[in-house]
Each structure stands twice: as C-alpha cells, then as structure tokens.
Amino acid sequence: MAAPQMNMGDLGKSLAPIPNLGVAPEDKKDGFWSSNPIFTFVNNVTSSISQHRKSLDLINPGTMENINKEVARDVFLNQLQFTGLRADISKTFSMNPIFQISHGLSIGGQLPAYSFTAMVGNENTFFQGTVDNEFSLTGRINHSWDKHVVSKLTFQLAHGQQPMCQIEHDYQATDFSLNFKTLNPNFLDESYKGVMVGSILQSITPKLSLGLESVYSSLQQGVPGDAALSFVGRYNAGNWIASAQLQAQGALVASFWRKVANNVEAGVETTVQAGVQPTLNELMQPVYQTVVEANTTVGAKYEFRQSVYRGQVDSKGLVSFMLEHRVLPTVGLLFNASIDQAKNSANIGCGLSLEFAGSEEVMMMQNGMMDANGNPIEGVQMA
C-alpha cells in the first residue's frame, strides 16, 4: 500500500508541532521550525506553488492507459470483434454488493468453446475469475484503499503457456496521476527479473495534460536489462480530444476524437513506425536501412435508443462493421464483419447475450425501475 501523499503546501503545518528540546513551553512558538530562515523560505515557496496550482482549476487527467480511450475503445471495434458464433448467458443474484455468474459458449472462432466467469464486488473490492474448457484460469482483483489509491492484481494460468502475474498500483491526485506496475516479477534472484513500468500524467492547463512512461525489462539471467522512455500529450476541448504518443520503439501514435452529434462520434488514428532492417548490398555485405511504415484508421460510432453501430476502415484496406442491438433490456444481439482487401479474406461473427435476474428486485434494477439502493425511479410505471 502506497503511503498517503502530503501536499507540499501543508509541510509547515505538519512540522510546526514538533517540540523543540530544551525550549520552554512559552518560547516554543519562536523555536527552530518557525524561526529558521531556510525552512521559512522553503515553506513559503511550497505554499505559493500549492496556492498557484489551486488557482489554475486543474482537473485529474485520467490514466496513461486511457490516453486515447475515446478512439481506441469507444469508437473503434478492434477490441470488440470476434469470429464464429458466440453466446453469453449471465445471471445477477444481487447488485449491492454485486454477485454475478456467466457462461460463455463459442464455436468457429478463437474464443474458448466454454468459459465460466464469476464476479463479486462491493464499493471497495472487486473479484473476477474465469475458467474455460481447457482449465485455463484468469483472475483479476481490484481494491480501492480510498478515492485516490487503487491496487490491482491480474494473473493467468494457461496450459502450455508461461504463468502471468501483473501487480499494479494507481494514485489519482487532483491534477495528476501516478501508475506503477510490474509483470512477472522475480525478487528471489540476485537482481530483479521481470518488466517494470512507471508513468505520470500531469495536467498543465484545464485542457492540456502531458506525461511520460518509463519501462525497464530484464528477462534473462546474466543479460543486462533494457530501459525505454515514452512521452504522451492529450488536449481535451470538450467536444473534441487530440492525443499523441511518442513511444520508445520508434513509433508515433496520433489520434483525434470528435463528438459530431448527441448520438454520433468519430475518430481517426495514425501510427507511424520507424525501424532498421538488415539487408545486403551489391557486394553482398550486410548494411542497414531505415524502414518507415504508417497506417491510418478512420471510424465512426452511431448510438441510438436500442442499437449501436460501429464502422471503420484503414489505409491497408481492412473494412470492419459491428452492430449491437438490444431486443429487450435483458436480450442483446451482436453482429460484426470485416473484409481485408489486401489479403482477400473476410470474417463474420454473430453473438447472443442473455441476462437473468436472481430476484424480483434485481430484475427491476435491470429494467430501470429501481436504482442501486432499492428506491423506485420516478416516472417509471412498475408492474
């Protein structure tokens, strides 16, 4: 658990009560901590900086992993696509605390043929575990120590694959965010083995935020580790958001999101990757040449009362489409398709989602007749 961070402006308040040895009680107000000129100067500077930051009305910039969430996760459908037939059946037994189980069935795609998921959580702690027909286990645990500090644990045990464990810690301050994570850490050897990532995202103005991310990787014994540094920027104007990432691998990712209408969103993302490729010259001697690859994706999202349409096309000729339609509050249909013009291939996926309630109270919450506290919602006619 990370130690609670203290505002630098309150440094003098926290140190002022420290007693001065050998000073009479009536003379403590003029002791070392209040009369020392160096401390007085530092305290005045930190207090001025703290007051100036408050006067800027800065907001929390979000997390580093969500720097381009509006485009990559909300508009684009790369993380939502699937192939074949798919069915998800879930049942919610309670809402506060939440307890839900679900069964997943799939055929003709890359998803497991069967998976079972259980989810338990309250306002502070969240548990989720999934096991499939090949006995692969995936789990996730989130715990919120307070409104600023969250710890996360993710693990995966799959047959024929190396076990995966990721430990993550988030700190959300008023105008900046800190994140520390480690992947497959090994502290038993003489030196650290694994991947360690640290990032900070700071609001410069109410709309502009800048940040950087550092990655250290050491996977093999006796081989020196590698370190890399990435820089990010994000500008949020309300109805449009622009972000850029300069990654250590020589890649530049720029994205732009726009709220076109109340139910229409659009986004564009461009990735430029620069690298070095070995080749042979006319004398059959090895030489290295710079290779630059670029790809641009344009997408749109149309959201209506019972349906959500997503479509995108990229510069490599891949066209994708997805439809999510809510037939009933507890029944949903999914359809997605993609055509790759360059590879002359096509994929189609169809899905069905069913949600059942474990009690009448949960059913009323799912139908929008009752809030999470069990209070009826005004203007909704209850059966």
Protein backbone atom coordinates (compact mmCIF):
# COMPACT_ATOMS: atom_id res chain seq x y z
CA MET A 1 0.00 0.00 0.00
CA ALA A 2 1.39 3.36 -1.03
CA ALA A 3 1.88 5.87 1.75
CA PRO A 4 -0.61 8.78 1.58
CA GLN A 5 0.90 11.74 -0.14
CA MET A 6 1.02 15.12 1.62
CA ASN A 7 0.50 18.47 -0.03
CA MET A 8 3.76 20.40 -0.04
CA GLY A 9 1.83 23.45 0.98
CA ASP A 10 0.95 21.77 4.26
CA LEU A 11 4.55 20.84 5.05
CA GLY A 12 4.95 23.60 7.55
CA LYS A 13 1.69 22.70 9.29
CA SER A 14 2.77 19.12 9.75
CA LEU A 15 6.21 20.05 11.09
CA ALA A 16 5.20 23.03 13.25
CA PRO A 17 4.02 20.99 16.26
CA ILE A 18 7.43 19.25 16.57
CA PRO A 19 8.73 20.15 20.05
CA ASN A 20 12.00 21.98 20.49
CA LEU A 21 14.20 20.23 23.01
CA GLY A 22 15.43 22.48 25.76
CA VAL A 23 12.99 25.32 24.97
CA ALA A 24 10.49 26.49 27.49
CA PRO A 25 6.81 25.92 26.55
CA GLU A 26 6.15 29.66 26.33
CA ASP A 27 9.03 30.06 23.83
CA LYS A 28 8.08 27.16 21.50
CA LYS A 29 6.28 29.46 19.07
CA ASP A 30 9.64 31.08 18.33
CA GLY A 31 11.51 27.77 18.09
CA PHE A 32 13.68 26.32 15.34
CA TRP A 33 10.89 25.30 12.96
CA SER A 34 9.29 28.74 12.90
CA SER A 35 12.39 30.94 13.07
CA ASN A 36 14.84 29.03 10.86
CA PRO A 37 15.23 31.17 7.70
CA ILE A 38 15.90 28.20 5.39
CA PHE A 39 12.79 26.35 6.47
CA THR A 40 10.72 29.53 6.33
CA PHE A 41 11.84 30.15 2.74
CA VAL A 42 11.10 26.56 1.65
CA ASN A 43 7.71 26.60 3.31
CA ASN A 44 6.76 29.92 1.68
CA VAL A 45 7.80 28.68 -1.75
CA THR A 46 5.91 25.41 -1.46
CA SER A 47 2.84 27.21 -0.13
CA SER A 48 2.95 29.66 -3.05
CA ILE A 49 3.26 26.80 -5.55
CA SER A 50 0.34 24.96 -3.94
CA GLN A 51 -1.87 28.06 -3.98
CA HIS A 52 -0.95 28.77 -7.59
CA ARG A 53 -1.84 25.21 -8.64
CA LYS A 54 -5.22 25.53 -6.94
CA SER A 55 -5.88 28.81 -8.74
CA LEU A 56 -5.41 27.11 -12.13
CA ASP A 57 -8.52 24.92 -11.60
CA LEU A 58 -6.69 21.85 -12.90
CA ILE A 59 -8.52 18.52 -13.14
CA ASN A 60 -7.39 14.91 -12.98
CA PRO A 61 -6.10 13.97 -16.47
CA GLY A 62 -7.06 10.28 -16.22
CA THR A 63 -4.72 7.34 -16.57
CA MET A 64 -1.95 6.68 -19.05
CA GLU A 65 -3.62 3.57 -20.49
CA ASN A 66 -6.74 5.61 -21.31
CA ILE A 67 -4.88 8.38 -23.12
CA ASN A 68 -6.78 7.65 -26.38
CA LYS A 69 -9.69 5.67 -24.92
CA GLU A 70 -12.35 7.65 -26.78
CA VAL A 71 -10.95 6.50 -30.12
CA ALA A 72 -9.38 3.09 -29.45
CA ARG A 73 -12.10 1.71 -27.14
CA ASP A 74 -15.27 3.73 -27.69
CA VAL A 75 -15.32 4.32 -31.45
CA PHE A 76 -13.08 1.61 -32.92
CA LEU A 77 -14.16 -2.02 -32.69
CA ASN A 78 -10.75 -3.73 -32.71
CA GLN A 79 -11.17 -4.89 -29.10
CA LEU A 80 -14.78 -5.97 -29.65
CA GLN A 81 -14.51 -8.08 -32.79
CA PHE A 82 -14.87 -11.86 -32.82
CA THR A 83 -15.49 -14.58 -35.40
CA GLY A 84 -17.88 -17.53 -35.44
CA LEU A 85 -20.89 -17.98 -33.17
CA ARG A 86 -20.92 -16.75 -29.60
CA ALA A 87 -23.42 -16.80 -26.72
CA ASP A 88 -23.09 -15.20 -23.27
CA ILE A 89 -25.56 -16.13 -20.54
CA SER A 90 -25.30 -14.26 -17.24
CA LYS A 91 -27.29 -14.19 -14.03
CA THR A 92 -27.12 -11.47 -11.40
CA PHE A 93 -28.02 -12.52 -7.87
CA SER A 94 -27.51 -9.15 -6.17
CA MET A 95 -26.49 -5.62 -7.11
CA ASN A 96 -25.13 -4.21 -3.83
CA PRO A 97 -22.81 -5.98 -3.26
CA ILE A 98 -22.72 -7.30 -6.79
CA PHE A 99 -22.64 -11.06 -7.36
CA GLN A 100 -22.88 -12.33 -10.93
CA ILE A 101 -22.02 -15.51 -12.83
CA SER A 102 -21.92 -16.02 -16.59
CA HIS A 103 -21.43 -18.82 -19.09
CA GLY A 104 -19.77 -18.27 -22.44
CA LEU A 105 -20.21 -20.54 -25.47
CA SER A 106 -18.33 -20.17 -28.75
CA ILE A 107 -17.82 -22.11 -31.96
CA GLY A 108 -15.89 -21.40 -35.13
CA GLY A 109 -13.65 -18.71 -33.62
CA GLN A 110 -10.60 -18.18 -31.46
CA LEU A 111 -12.57 -17.92 -28.21
CA PRO A 112 -12.75 -20.94 -25.86
CA ALA A 113 -15.58 -23.36 -26.55
CA TYR A 114 -16.84 -22.86 -22.99
CA SER A 115 -15.94 -20.48 -20.17
CA PHE A 116 -17.35 -19.83 -16.73
CA THR A 117 -16.98 -16.43 -15.05
CA ALA A 118 -17.81 -15.36 -11.51
CA MET A 119 -17.78 -11.76 -10.32
CA VAL A 120 -18.09 -10.49 -6.74
CA GLY A 121 -17.57 -6.93 -5.57
CA ASN A 122 -18.59 -4.00 -3.44
CA GLU A 123 -17.65 -0.33 -3.35
CA ASN A 124 -14.03 -1.06 -2.37
CA THR A 125 -13.11 -4.56 -3.61
CA PHE A 126 -13.77 -6.38 -6.86
CA PHE A 127 -13.02 -10.03 -7.73
CA GLN A 128 -13.44 -11.68 -11.13
CA GLY A 129 -12.32 -15.13 -12.21
CA THR A 130 -12.72 -17.09 -15.46
CA VAL A 131 -12.01 -20.75 -16.21
CA ASP A 132 -12.51 -22.34 -19.65
CA ASN A 133 -12.86 -25.85 -21.03
CA GLU A 134 -9.05 -26.22 -21.23
CA PHE A 135 -8.78 -25.35 -17.50
CA SER A 136 -7.09 -22.02 -18.20
CA LEU A 137 -7.62 -19.69 -15.26
CA THR A 138 -7.72 -15.90 -15.46
CA GLY A 139 -8.32 -13.70 -12.45
CA ARG A 140 -8.50 -10.05 -11.54
CA ILE A 141 -8.62 -8.36 -8.13
CA ASN A 142 -9.08 -4.63 -7.58
CA HIS A 143 -9.05 -2.97 -4.18
CA SER A 144 -9.66 0.72 -3.53
CA TRP A 145 -7.95 1.91 -0.35
CA ASP A 146 -9.64 5.31 -0.70
CA LYS A 147 -10.88 7.54 -3.50
CA HIS A 148 -7.28 8.20 -4.63
CA VAL A 149 -5.44 4.88 -4.22
CA VAL A 150 -6.26 1.62 -6.05
CA SER A 151 -4.28 -1.63 -6.15
CA LYS A 152 -4.78 -4.25 -8.87
CA LEU A 153 -3.70 -7.85 -9.35
CA THR A 154 -4.08 -9.78 -12.60
CA PHE A 155 -2.98 -13.36 -13.15
CA GLN A 156 -3.34 -16.08 -15.77
CA LEU A 157 -2.59 -19.81 -15.71
CA ALA A 158 -2.91 -21.47 -19.10
CA HIS A 159 -1.89 -24.94 -20.27
CA GLY A 160 1.32 -24.85 -22.30
CA GLN A 161 1.97 -21.17 -21.56
CA GLN A 162 4.09 -19.34 -19.03
CA PRO A 163 2.12 -18.15 -15.99
CA MET A 164 1.43 -14.43 -15.98
CA CYS A 165 1.13 -12.16 -12.97
CA GLN A 166 0.80 -8.37 -13.01
CA ILE A 167 0.77 -6.16 -9.93
CA GLU A 168 -0.41 -2.58 -10.41
CA HIS A 169 -0.86 0.45 -8.18
CA ASP A 170 -2.69 3.68 -9.09
CA TYR A 171 -2.70 7.04 -7.36
CA GLN A 172 -5.21 9.62 -8.62
CA ALA A 173 -4.49 13.12 -7.30
CA THR A 174 -6.35 16.33 -8.00
CA ASP A 175 -4.29 17.29 -11.06
CA PHE A 176 -2.03 14.31 -11.82
CA SER A 177 -1.99 10.52 -11.96
CA LEU A 178 0.72 8.04 -10.98
CA ASN A 179 0.85 4.40 -12.03
CA PHE A 180 3.33 1.65 -11.15
CA LYS A 181 3.11 -1.90 -12.43
CA THR A 182 5.31 -4.96 -12.66
CA LEU A 183 4.84 -8.01 -14.90
CA ASN A 184 6.04 -11.45 -13.76
CA PRO A 185 8.33 -10.07 -11.05
CA ASN A 186 11.04 -12.27 -9.56
CA PHE A 187 12.72 -10.86 -6.45
CA LEU A 188 14.39 -14.11 -5.37
CA ASP A 189 17.42 -13.84 -7.67
CA GLU A 190 20.38 -11.58 -7.07
CA SER A 191 18.88 -8.99 -9.40
CA TYR A 192 15.32 -8.13 -10.38
CA LYS A 193 13.78 -10.16 -13.22
CA GLY A 194 10.63 -9.09 -15.00
CA VAL A 195 9.10 -5.97 -16.51
CA MET A 196 8.61 -2.78 -14.50
CA VAL A 197 6.60 0.21 -15.74
CA GLY A 198 6.15 3.63 -14.14
CA SER A 199 4.17 6.54 -15.56
CA ILE A 200 2.97 10.01 -14.62
CA LEU A 201 0.34 12.19 -16.30
CA GLN A 202 0.16 15.85 -15.22
CA SER A 203 -2.42 18.50 -16.10
CA ILE A 204 -0.73 21.65 -17.35
CA THR A 205 -3.95 23.55 -18.01
CA PRO A 206 -7.59 22.51 -17.54
CA LYS A 207 -7.48 21.11 -21.10
CA LEU A 208 -3.84 20.11 -21.70
CA SER A 209 -2.01 17.27 -19.95
CA LEU A 210 1.49 15.89 -20.52
CA GLY A 211 3.13 12.74 -19.26
CA LEU A 212 5.88 10.21 -19.64
CA GLU A 213 6.25 6.47 -19.15
CA SER A 214 9.39 4.52 -18.30
CA VAL A 215 9.78 0.78 -18.95
CA TYR A 216 12.52 -1.46 -17.57
CA SER A 217 12.78 -5.05 -18.80
CA SER A 218 15.11 -7.75 -17.53
CA LEU A 219 14.04 -11.27 -18.52
CA GLN A 220 17.20 -13.41 -18.79
CA GLN A 221 19.80 -14.20 -16.18
CA GLY A 222 23.17 -12.60 -16.96
CA VAL A 223 21.76 -10.35 -19.69
CA PRO A 224 21.61 -6.60 -18.92
CA GLY A 225 18.14 -5.14 -18.74
CA ASP A 226 16.69 -2.67 -21.23
CA ALA A 227 15.13 0.68 -20.38
CA ALA A 228 12.90 2.85 -22.56
CA LEU A 229 11.07 6.17 -22.20
CA SER A 230 7.85 7.31 -23.89
CA PHE A 231 6.20 10.74 -23.99
CA VAL A 232 2.47 11.49 -24.29
CA GLY A 233 0.24 14.53 -24.65
CA ARG A 234 -3.53 14.99 -24.53
CA TYR A 235 -5.75 18.01 -25.24
CA ASN A 236 -9.41 17.83 -24.20
CA ALA A 237 -11.55 20.61 -25.62
CA GLY A 238 -14.85 19.03 -24.56
CA ASN A 239 -16.42 18.11 -27.89
CA TRP A 240 -13.08 17.03 -29.38
CA ILE A 241 -9.95 15.38 -27.99
CA ALA A 242 -6.49 15.09 -29.55
CA SER A 243 -3.69 12.90 -28.20
CA ALA A 244 -0.18 11.88 -29.28
CA GLN A 245 2.25 9.22 -28.06
CA LEU A 246 5.94 9.10 -28.91
CA GLN A 247 6.89 5.55 -27.98
CA ALA A 248 10.39 4.34 -27.25
CA GLN A 249 10.25 1.72 -30.01
CA GLY A 250 10.32 4.49 -32.62
CA ALA A 251 6.55 4.70 -33.09
CA LEU A 252 4.36 7.79 -33.17
CA VAL A 253 0.64 7.33 -32.47
CA ALA A 254 -1.67 10.31 -33.01
CA SER A 255 -5.44 10.19 -32.55
CA PHE A 256 -8.33 12.62 -32.85
CA TRP A 257 -11.87 12.16 -31.45
CA ARG A 258 -14.87 14.33 -32.26
CA LYS A 259 -18.40 14.48 -30.89
CA VAL A 260 -20.29 15.11 -34.14
CA ALA A 261 -23.80 14.99 -32.64
CA ASN A 262 -25.52 13.78 -29.50
CA ASN A 263 -25.51 10.20 -30.80
CA VAL A 264 -22.63 10.31 -33.29
CA GLU A 265 -18.89 10.07 -32.55
CA ALA A 266 -15.98 9.86 -34.99
CA GLY A 267 -12.30 9.17 -34.61
CA VAL A 268 -9.08 8.89 -36.59
CA GLU A 269 -5.77 7.36 -35.56
CA THR A 270 -2.43 7.34 -37.35
CA THR A 271 0.53 5.14 -36.44
CA VAL A 272 4.00 5.75 -37.86
CA GLN A 273 6.61 3.08 -37.09
CA ALA A 274 10.29 3.62 -37.89
CA GLY A 275 12.83 0.83 -37.68
CA VAL A 276 16.08 -0.57 -39.03
CA GLN A 277 16.09 -3.58 -41.33
CA PRO A 278 19.27 -5.52 -42.25
CA THR A 279 19.91 -6.23 -45.94
CA LEU A 280 22.75 -6.99 -48.38
CA ASN A 281 24.29 -4.55 -50.83
CA GLU A 282 25.69 -5.31 -54.30
CA LEU A 283 28.93 -6.61 -52.77
CA MET A 284 26.93 -8.99 -50.54
CA GLN A 285 27.91 -7.04 -47.46
CA PRO A 286 25.40 -6.51 -44.65
CA VAL A 287 24.00 -3.00 -44.45
CA TYR A 288 21.14 -1.47 -42.51
CA GLN A 289 18.42 0.68 -43.99
CA THR A 290 15.69 2.67 -42.32
CA VAL A 291 12.15 1.41 -42.86
CA VAL A 292 9.09 3.55 -42.14
CA GLU A 293 5.59 2.07 -42.00
CA ALA A 294 2.38 4.01 -41.48
CA ASN A 295 -1.25 3.10 -41.04
CA THR A 296 -4.32 5.31 -40.62
CA THR A 297 -7.72 4.20 -39.36
CA VAL A 298 -10.96 6.17 -39.59
CA GLY A 299 -14.07 5.10 -37.69
CA ALA A 300 -17.50 6.27 -36.57
CA LYS A 301 -19.99 5.26 -33.91
CA TYR A 302 -23.76 5.78 -34.15
CA GLU A 303 -25.65 5.24 -30.90
CA PHE A 304 -29.44 5.06 -30.85
CA ARG A 305 -32.00 4.09 -28.23
CA GLN A 306 -31.64 0.32 -28.71
CA SER A 307 -28.76 -0.05 -31.18
CA VAL A 308 -25.12 0.88 -31.53
CA TYR A 309 -23.41 0.90 -34.95
CA ARG A 310 -19.64 0.97 -35.36
CA GLY A 311 -17.69 1.07 -38.60
CA GLN A 312 -14.07 1.69 -39.55
CA VAL A 313 -11.66 1.48 -42.47
CA ASP A 314 -7.87 1.70 -42.51
CA SER A 315 -5.27 2.54 -45.13
CA LYS A 316 -4.36 -1.14 -45.59
CA GLY A 317 -7.78 -1.96 -46.99
CA LEU A 318 -9.39 -3.51 -43.89
CA VAL A 319 -13.08 -2.61 -43.56
CA SER A 320 -14.94 -3.57 -40.36
CA PHE A 321 -18.51 -3.19 -39.11
CA MET A 322 -20.33 -4.07 -35.89
CA LEU A 323 -23.96 -3.87 -34.79
CA GLU A 324 -25.15 -4.19 -31.20
CA HIS A 325 -28.93 -4.36 -30.87
CA ARG A 326 -30.85 -4.58 -27.62
CA VAL A 327 -34.04 -6.54 -28.35
CA LEU A 328 -35.15 -6.46 -24.70
CA PRO A 329 -33.47 -4.96 -21.62
CA THR A 330 -32.05 -8.44 -20.93
CA VAL A 331 -31.56 -9.73 -24.50
CA GLY A 332 -28.95 -8.43 -26.94
CA LEU A 333 -27.76 -9.38 -30.42
CA LEU A 334 -24.28 -8.87 -31.86
CA PHE A 335 -23.15 -8.96 -35.46
CA ASN A 336 -19.76 -8.00 -36.85
CA ALA A 337 -17.99 -8.49 -40.16
CA SER A 338 -14.67 -7.49 -41.69
CA ILE A 339 -13.21 -7.61 -45.18
CA ASP A 340 -9.45 -7.48 -45.80
CA GLN A 341 -8.94 -6.24 -49.35
CA ALA A 342 -5.19 -6.87 -49.35
CA LYS A 343 -5.44 -10.48 -48.11
CA ASN A 344 -8.69 -11.18 -49.96
CA SER A 345 -10.33 -12.60 -46.83
CA ALA A 346 -13.48 -12.00 -44.81
CA ASN A 347 -14.67 -12.82 -41.28
CA ILE A 348 -18.16 -12.87 -39.79
CA GLY A 349 -19.27 -13.18 -36.18
CA CYS A 350 -22.73 -13.47 -34.62
CA GLY A 351 -23.47 -13.30 -30.91
CA LEU A 352 -26.31 -13.52 -28.41
CA SER A 353 -26.30 -12.18 -24.84
CA LEU A 354 -28.88 -13.11 -22.20
CA GLU A 355 -29.13 -11.58 -18.75
CA PHE A 356 -31.25 -13.10 -16.00
CA ALA A 357 -32.12 -11.73 -12.58
CA GLY A 358 -31.84 -13.80 -9.42
CA SER A 359 -34.64 -11.90 -7.71
CA GLU A 360 -37.50 -9.54 -8.47
CA GLU A 361 -35.54 -6.61 -7.02
CA VAL A 362 -32.60 -7.24 -9.36
CA MET A 363 -34.97 -7.59 -12.30
CA MET A 364 -36.50 -4.18 -11.53
CA MET A 365 -32.99 -2.67 -11.41
CA GLN A 366 -32.11 -4.20 -14.79
CA ASN A 367 -35.32 -2.83 -16.30
CA GLY A 368 -34.60 0.67 -14.98
CA MET A 369 -37.48 0.70 -12.47
CA MET A 370 -35.28 0.88 -9.35
CA ASP A 371 -31.90 2.39 -8.51
CA ALA A 372 -28.94 0.58 -6.92
CA ASN A 373 -30.20 1.48 -3.41
CA GLY A 374 -33.59 -0.16 -3.97
CA ASN A 375 -35.55 3.09 -4.40
CA PRO A 376 -38.21 3.30 -7.15
CA ILE A 377 -37.38 5.67 -10.00
CA GLU A 378 -39.94 8.43 -10.51
CA GLY A 379 -41.81 8.45 -13.80
CA VAL A 380 -41.44 4.69 -14.37
CA GLN A 381 -44.55 2.57 -14.12
CA MET A 382 -43.86 -0.52 -12.03
CA ALA A 383 -45.54 -3.79 -12.96
